[in-house]
Amino acid sequence: MRHLLSGTGLQVFSTCPPSYVASPRDYLRQALDVAAWSEAAGCEGMLIYTDNGLVDPWTVAHAIVAGTQRLTPLVAVQPVYMHPYTVAKIVTSIGFLYGRRMYLNMVTGGFKNDFTALNDATPHDERYARVIEYTAVIQDLLRGETVSRMGRHYGVVNLKLAPPLAPDLYPGFMISGSSGPGLAAARELGALAVQYPKPADQQEPPPEGVTALGIRVGIVTRETSAEAWAVARARFPEDRKGQITHQLAMKVSDSVWHQQLSDLGKTPPEVENPYWMVPFENYKTFCPYLVGSYDRIADELARYVGLGYRTVILDVPASPVELEHIGHAFFRATERVPA
């Protein structure tokens, strides 16, 4: 079953475990284990989170590149943390040293307390204007241009990147597409718009002008729905402490997607609905889950793919066997969608 996900025609990413799940002694091993499982399963890459409470994602990305053969880090990039030149410099340096391509997930939202601690009071929608300027500088530098820009947030004069990045290593760019400003930024930057999806039968077609689309979702699937739900409920039991933590996080988060998911969770799932919000509501993860048999999950995935969502960022995989099960559902999903 190795590389099953790479044979689906879809672009699939896993997610690196966050650093708070393990001790300093164990965390790097866990991250490298998940990277190895993801590479063996045929994932394109692996998302690496960023916020004030996590280890530096670039340091983790360097370890992943050094410890794998082809897996591509998808690094969350928050403009408030570093200058765009620094981002471009790291990307070209990894390309120079390892011949490895990167993906960049451009982040605008986060926890209010993190922004307060960094003395950043930029309003929500203005952060999208900032990330457009920020990303444009990175893109121009990585294309080998000499960059002169004077914007509201960033200014550079005759800035050049060395060593230059090989054209075939130019990174992929992603950005949240859960809000109007996010979709507008995706259009302007040519970035892939990533959304936390609604149930497949409620998901709207993409807006005009946005052609590169992805979803962020966890999956638990087995041959039968009964088995899948048993695994899911054992892995994510309801937890009162987690529910309180989720409620507190809602109060200090200004992310549109966070509010949208919380609103979806207020609607009880139907008996046959595979869309499951319990892991999110109990602060075990930050995305909805799809739970069910291979065929049921394949049907749901096929609906998303039919709407144009051809990139999927999975939650942190529980094991290599779990990725094999997910691969079965993906393979069946692509059989249901016309080429």
Protein backbone atom coordinates (compact mmCIF):
# COMPACT_ATOMS: atom_id res chain seq x y z
CA MET A 1 0.00 0.00 0.00
CA ARG A 2 3.00 2.34 -0.15
CA HIS A 3 2.50 5.58 -2.10
CA LEU A 4 -1.26 4.93 -2.45
CA LEU A 5 -2.05 8.63 -1.97
CA SER A 6 0.28 9.69 -4.79
CA GLY A 7 -1.69 7.63 -7.31
CA THR A 8 -4.97 9.49 -6.84
CA GLY A 9 -4.27 12.54 -8.99
CA LEU A 10 -4.89 14.73 -5.93
CA GLN A 11 -2.37 16.71 -3.93
CA VAL A 12 -2.41 15.38 -0.35
CA PHE A 13 -0.57 16.81 2.65
CA SER A 14 -0.38 15.47 6.18
CA THR A 15 0.19 17.62 9.27
CA CYS A 16 3.16 17.60 11.60
CA PRO A 17 2.27 17.08 15.28
CA PRO A 18 2.47 20.33 17.28
CA SER A 19 5.36 20.56 19.72
CA TYR A 20 3.15 20.74 22.82
CA VAL A 21 2.13 17.08 22.39
CA ALA A 22 5.53 15.70 23.44
CA SER A 23 8.54 16.35 25.63
CA PRO A 24 11.57 18.07 24.10
CA ARG A 25 13.36 14.73 24.09
CA ASP A 26 10.60 12.97 22.16
CA TYR A 27 9.18 15.64 19.87
CA LEU A 28 11.74 15.56 17.06
CA ARG A 29 11.45 11.77 16.84
CA GLN A 30 7.66 12.03 16.64
CA ALA A 31 7.83 14.68 13.90
CA LEU A 32 10.29 12.60 11.88
CA ASP A 33 8.16 9.48 12.33
CA VAL A 34 5.09 11.25 10.93
CA ALA A 35 7.20 12.61 8.08
CA ALA A 36 8.41 9.09 7.24
CA TRP A 37 4.85 7.70 7.31
CA SER A 38 3.64 10.57 5.11
CA GLU A 39 6.39 10.07 2.57
CA ALA A 40 5.78 6.31 2.43
CA ALA A 41 2.04 6.89 1.92
CA GLY A 42 2.70 9.19 -1.04
CA CYS A 43 1.85 12.55 0.52
CA GLU A 44 3.13 15.59 -1.35
CA GLY A 45 4.17 17.29 1.85
CA MET A 46 3.45 18.04 5.49
CA LEU A 47 1.97 21.16 7.11
CA ILE A 48 3.98 22.65 9.98
CA TYR A 49 2.07 24.99 12.30
CA THR A 50 3.23 28.29 13.76
CA ASP A 51 2.18 30.40 16.75
CA ASN A 52 3.75 31.87 19.89
CA GLY A 53 3.45 28.58 21.79
CA LEU A 54 5.17 26.28 19.27
CA VAL A 55 8.75 25.61 18.27
CA ASP A 56 9.97 27.51 15.22
CA PRO A 57 8.45 25.89 12.09
CA TRP A 58 11.53 26.59 9.96
CA THR A 59 13.71 24.61 12.35
CA VAL A 60 11.26 21.70 12.13
CA ALA A 61 11.13 22.05 8.32
CA HIS A 62 14.92 21.82 8.10
CA ALA A 63 14.87 18.62 10.17
CA ILE A 64 12.12 17.16 7.93
CA VAL A 65 14.05 17.94 4.75
CA ALA A 66 17.22 16.42 6.20
CA GLY A 67 15.34 13.32 7.38
CA THR A 68 13.32 12.48 4.25
CA GLN A 69 13.98 11.91 0.56
CA ARG A 70 11.27 13.96 -1.17
CA LEU A 71 8.60 15.12 1.31
CA THR A 72 7.90 18.85 0.95
CA PRO A 73 7.43 20.99 4.07
CA LEU A 74 4.37 23.25 4.00
CA VAL A 75 5.51 25.94 6.42
CA ALA A 76 3.03 28.30 8.07
CA VAL A 77 4.39 31.84 7.60
CA GLN A 78 3.16 34.64 9.88
CA PRO A 79 4.31 38.09 8.65
CA VAL A 80 4.58 39.48 12.16
CA TYR A 81 7.41 37.04 12.95
CA MET A 82 10.01 37.89 10.28
CA HIS A 83 10.85 40.09 7.30
CA PRO A 84 9.87 38.72 3.86
CA TYR A 85 13.53 38.73 2.81
CA THR A 86 14.28 36.27 5.63
CA VAL A 87 11.58 33.90 4.38
CA ALA A 88 12.92 34.04 0.81
CA LYS A 89 16.47 33.53 2.10
CA ILE A 90 15.51 30.36 4.00
CA VAL A 91 13.62 28.96 1.00
CA THR A 92 16.51 29.53 -1.39
CA SER A 93 19.02 28.21 1.16
CA ILE A 94 17.10 24.94 1.60
CA GLY A 95 16.82 24.70 -2.18
CA PHE A 96 20.56 25.28 -2.55
CA LEU A 97 21.55 22.78 0.15
CA TYR A 98 19.02 20.00 -0.48
CA GLY A 99 17.48 20.59 -3.90
CA ARG A 100 14.09 20.45 -2.17
CA ARG A 101 11.03 22.50 -3.03
CA MET A 102 8.94 24.18 -0.30
CA TYR A 103 5.32 25.21 0.16
CA LEU A 104 4.41 28.33 2.13
CA ASN A 105 1.09 28.69 3.96
CA MET A 106 0.61 32.44 4.41
CA VAL A 107 -1.07 33.09 7.77
CA THR A 108 -2.98 36.22 8.76
CA GLY A 109 -5.06 35.21 11.79
CA GLY A 110 -4.25 33.77 15.16
CA PHE A 111 -4.78 34.25 18.87
CA LYS A 112 -5.34 37.84 19.96
CA ASN A 113 -3.03 37.37 22.94
CA ASP A 114 -0.17 36.44 20.59
CA PHE A 115 -0.60 39.66 18.61
CA THR A 116 -0.89 41.72 21.80
CA ALA A 117 2.33 40.22 23.15
CA LEU A 118 4.07 41.22 19.92
CA ASN A 119 2.52 44.73 20.02
CA ASP A 120 0.77 44.13 16.70
CA ALA A 121 -2.61 45.88 16.53
CA THR A 122 -3.20 45.47 12.78
CA PRO A 123 -6.97 45.03 12.15
CA HIS A 124 -8.15 41.68 10.72
CA ASP A 125 -8.85 42.79 7.15
CA GLU A 126 -5.73 44.98 7.00
CA ARG A 127 -3.66 41.87 7.75
CA TYR A 128 -4.69 40.58 4.33
CA ALA A 129 -3.42 43.78 2.70
CA ARG A 130 -0.20 43.25 4.64
CA VAL A 131 0.15 39.61 3.65
CA ILE A 132 -0.34 40.52 -0.03
CA GLU A 133 2.56 43.00 0.14
CA TYR A 134 4.62 40.53 2.17
CA THR A 135 4.06 37.59 -0.16
CA ALA A 136 4.64 39.68 -3.29
CA VAL A 137 8.13 40.59 -2.04
CA ILE A 138 8.89 36.91 -1.38
CA GLN A 139 7.59 35.86 -4.79
CA ASP A 140 9.55 38.50 -6.68
CA LEU A 141 12.76 37.65 -4.85
CA LEU A 142 12.35 33.93 -5.47
CA ARG A 143 11.76 34.59 -9.18
CA GLY A 144 15.22 36.17 -9.29
CA GLU A 145 14.05 39.77 -9.65
CA THR A 146 15.74 42.83 -8.22
CA VAL A 147 12.94 44.16 -6.04
CA SER A 148 12.04 47.76 -5.27
CA ARG A 149 8.68 48.21 -3.55
CA MET A 150 7.28 50.89 -1.26
CA GLY A 151 4.01 49.76 0.29
CA ARG A 152 2.06 50.55 3.43
CA HIS A 153 3.78 47.77 5.34
CA TYR A 154 7.03 46.89 3.55
CA GLY A 155 9.63 48.79 1.59
CA VAL A 156 12.74 47.44 -0.14
CA VAL A 157 15.14 49.05 -2.61
CA ASN A 158 17.10 47.11 -5.24
CA LEU A 159 16.91 43.97 -3.13
CA LYS A 160 18.34 40.81 -4.71
CA LEU A 161 18.38 37.24 -3.42
CA ALA A 162 21.52 35.13 -3.35
CA PRO A 163 22.04 32.32 -3.96
CA PRO A 164 19.27 32.36 -6.58
CA LEU A 165 16.55 29.73 -6.39
CA ALA A 166 16.43 27.19 -9.22
CA PRO A 167 13.22 27.81 -11.22
CA ASP A 168 11.97 24.25 -10.69
CA LEU A 169 12.15 24.78 -6.91
CA TYR A 170 9.86 27.82 -6.87
CA PRO A 171 7.50 27.20 -3.93
CA GLY A 172 3.77 26.69 -3.89
CA PHE A 173 1.78 29.33 -1.99
CA MET A 174 -1.37 28.75 0.06
CA ILE A 175 -3.59 31.09 2.06
CA SER A 176 -6.80 30.75 4.03
CA GLY A 177 -9.86 31.10 1.81
CA SER A 178 -12.47 31.16 4.58
CA SER A 179 -13.23 34.88 4.22
CA GLY A 180 -13.77 37.36 1.40
CA PRO A 181 -10.42 39.11 2.00
CA GLY A 182 -8.69 35.73 2.03
CA LEU A 183 -10.18 34.73 -1.32
CA ALA A 184 -9.26 38.12 -2.77
CA ALA A 185 -5.69 37.66 -1.56
CA ALA A 186 -5.55 34.18 -3.12
CA ARG A 187 -6.67 35.61 -6.47
CA GLU A 188 -4.15 38.45 -6.37
CA LEU A 189 -1.21 36.26 -5.35
CA GLY A 190 -2.08 33.22 -7.47
CA ALA A 191 -2.13 31.22 -4.24
CA LEU A 192 -4.14 28.11 -3.47
CA ALA A 193 -7.12 29.01 -1.25
CA VAL A 194 -7.48 26.55 1.64
CA GLN A 195 -10.84 26.21 3.36
CA TYR A 196 -12.20 24.32 6.35
CA PRO A 197 -15.09 22.73 4.49
CA LYS A 198 -18.74 22.50 5.33
CA PRO A 199 -20.41 19.10 4.87
CA ALA A 200 -20.03 18.15 1.22
CA ASP A 201 -23.74 18.59 0.45
CA GLN A 202 -23.59 22.16 1.85
CA GLN A 203 -20.28 23.25 0.33
CA GLU A 204 -20.73 26.06 -2.17
CA PRO A 205 -18.98 26.09 -5.56
CA PRO A 206 -15.82 28.20 -5.55
CA PRO A 207 -16.15 31.90 -6.31
CA GLU A 208 -15.30 33.16 -9.77
CA GLY A 209 -11.61 33.69 -10.36
CA VAL A 210 -10.43 31.24 -7.69
CA THR A 211 -9.28 28.09 -9.47
CA ALA A 212 -6.78 26.57 -7.03
CA LEU A 213 -8.65 25.20 -4.03
CA GLY A 214 -7.93 22.98 -1.07
CA ILE A 215 -9.61 21.71 2.08
CA ARG A 216 -8.27 20.96 5.54
CA VAL A 217 -9.92 17.92 7.09
CA GLY A 218 -9.24 14.88 9.25
CA ILE A 219 -10.38 11.42 8.19
CA VAL A 220 -11.09 8.18 10.05
CA THR A 221 -12.19 5.41 7.71
CA ARG A 222 -12.45 1.63 7.68
CA GLU A 223 -14.16 -1.06 5.60
CA THR A 224 -17.39 -0.52 7.54
CA SER A 225 -18.84 2.63 9.10
CA ALA A 226 -19.33 0.87 12.45
CA GLU A 227 -15.63 0.11 12.67
CA ALA A 228 -14.67 3.64 11.63
CA TRP A 229 -16.91 5.26 14.24
CA ALA A 230 -15.60 2.94 16.96
CA VAL A 231 -12.03 3.98 16.14
CA ALA A 232 -12.96 7.67 15.93
CA ARG A 233 -14.80 7.77 19.27
CA ALA A 234 -12.00 5.88 21.01
CA ARG A 235 -9.41 8.31 19.63
CA PHE A 236 -11.42 11.45 20.37
CA PRO A 237 -13.59 10.90 23.46
CA GLU A 238 -15.60 13.86 24.69
CA ASP A 239 -13.60 15.76 27.28
CA ARG A 240 -15.04 18.50 29.52
CA LYS A 241 -11.62 20.09 30.06
CA GLY A 242 -11.07 20.18 26.32
CA GLN A 243 -14.50 21.76 25.78
CA ILE A 244 -13.67 24.54 28.23
CA THR A 245 -10.30 25.11 26.56
CA HIS A 246 -12.07 25.31 23.18
CA GLN A 247 -14.50 27.91 24.54
CA LEU A 248 -11.63 30.00 25.93
CA ALA A 249 -9.74 29.73 22.62
CA MET A 250 -12.82 31.00 20.78
CA LYS A 251 -12.73 34.16 22.88
CA VAL A 252 -9.10 34.96 22.00
CA SER A 253 -9.14 33.93 18.32
CA ASP A 254 -10.09 36.33 15.54
CA SER A 255 -9.88 33.71 12.77
CA VAL A 256 -12.97 33.58 10.56
CA TRP A 257 -12.57 29.83 10.03
CA HIS A 258 -12.53 29.21 13.79
CA GLN A 259 -15.91 30.91 14.18
CA GLN A 260 -17.34 29.18 11.11
CA LEU A 261 -16.40 25.75 12.43
CA SER A 262 -17.82 26.53 15.85
CA ASP A 263 -21.12 27.53 14.24
CA LEU A 264 -21.20 24.30 12.24
CA GLY A 265 -20.65 22.33 15.42
CA LYS A 266 -23.89 23.71 16.90
CA THR A 267 -25.91 21.62 14.45
CA PRO A 268 -26.29 17.97 15.60
CA PRO A 269 -25.00 15.52 12.96
CA GLU A 270 -27.52 13.37 11.16
CA VAL A 271 -27.37 9.60 11.57
CA GLU A 272 -25.71 9.03 8.19
CA ASN A 273 -23.67 12.23 8.16
CA PRO A 274 -19.93 11.51 8.24
CA TYR A 275 -19.08 15.15 9.07
CA TRP A 276 -17.94 15.17 12.71
CA MET A 277 -16.98 18.18 14.87
CA VAL A 278 -16.31 16.52 18.25
CA PRO A 279 -12.47 16.59 17.94
CA PHE A 280 -12.61 20.34 17.20
CA GLU A 281 -15.14 21.07 19.96
CA ASN A 282 -13.01 19.21 22.52
CA TYR A 283 -9.82 21.07 21.51
CA LYS A 284 -8.15 17.95 20.15
CA THR A 285 -7.58 19.38 16.68
CA PHE A 286 -8.37 22.38 14.47
CA CYS A 287 -10.37 20.93 11.60
CA PRO A 288 -13.56 18.97 10.95
CA TYR A 289 -13.40 15.19 10.57
CA LEU A 290 -14.98 12.82 8.08
CA VAL A 291 -15.81 9.44 9.61
CA GLY A 292 -17.24 6.39 7.85
CA SER A 293 -16.63 3.46 5.54
CA TYR A 294 -14.24 3.67 2.61
CA ASP A 295 -17.16 4.06 0.22
CA ARG A 296 -18.97 6.68 2.31
CA ILE A 297 -15.84 8.81 2.69
CA ALA A 298 -15.05 8.29 -0.99
CA ASP A 299 -18.48 9.71 -1.84
CA GLU A 300 -17.84 12.79 0.31
CA LEU A 301 -14.37 13.37 -1.09
CA ALA A 302 -15.66 12.95 -4.63
CA ARG A 303 -18.19 15.73 -4.02
CA TYR A 304 -15.46 18.11 -2.86
CA VAL A 305 -13.24 17.15 -5.80
CA GLY A 306 -16.14 17.63 -8.19
CA LEU A 307 -16.45 21.22 -6.93
CA GLY A 308 -12.78 21.83 -7.69
CA TYR A 309 -11.07 21.06 -4.38
CA ARG A 310 -8.07 19.04 -5.52
CA THR A 311 -5.70 19.63 -2.60
CA VAL A 312 -6.40 18.03 0.78
CA ILE A 313 -4.48 18.81 3.97
CA LEU A 314 -5.09 15.94 6.39
CA ASP A 315 -4.88 16.18 10.15
CA VAL A 316 -1.94 14.64 12.05
CA PRO A 317 -1.98 10.91 11.13
CA ALA A 318 -2.31 8.53 14.07
CA SER A 319 -0.14 5.84 12.44
CA PRO A 320 1.11 4.61 9.07
CA VAL A 321 -1.77 2.11 9.06
CA GLU A 322 -4.20 5.02 9.38
CA LEU A 323 -2.75 6.57 6.23
CA GLU A 324 -3.26 3.27 4.42
CA HIS A 325 -6.94 3.30 5.35
CA ILE A 326 -7.25 6.90 4.17
CA GLY A 327 -5.53 5.93 0.94
CA HIS A 328 -8.25 3.36 0.22
CA ALA A 329 -10.92 6.06 0.48
CA PHE A 330 -8.98 8.48 -1.71
CA PHE A 331 -8.44 5.84 -4.39
CA ARG A 332 -12.16 5.05 -4.48
CA ALA A 333 -12.99 8.77 -4.54
CA THR A 334 -10.97 9.38 -7.68
CA GLU A 335 -12.77 6.50 -9.38
CA ARG A 336 -16.02 8.40 -8.78
CA VAL A 337 -14.85 11.67 -10.37
CA PRO A 338 -14.51 12.01 -14.17
CA ALA A 339 -10.94 12.74 -15.23
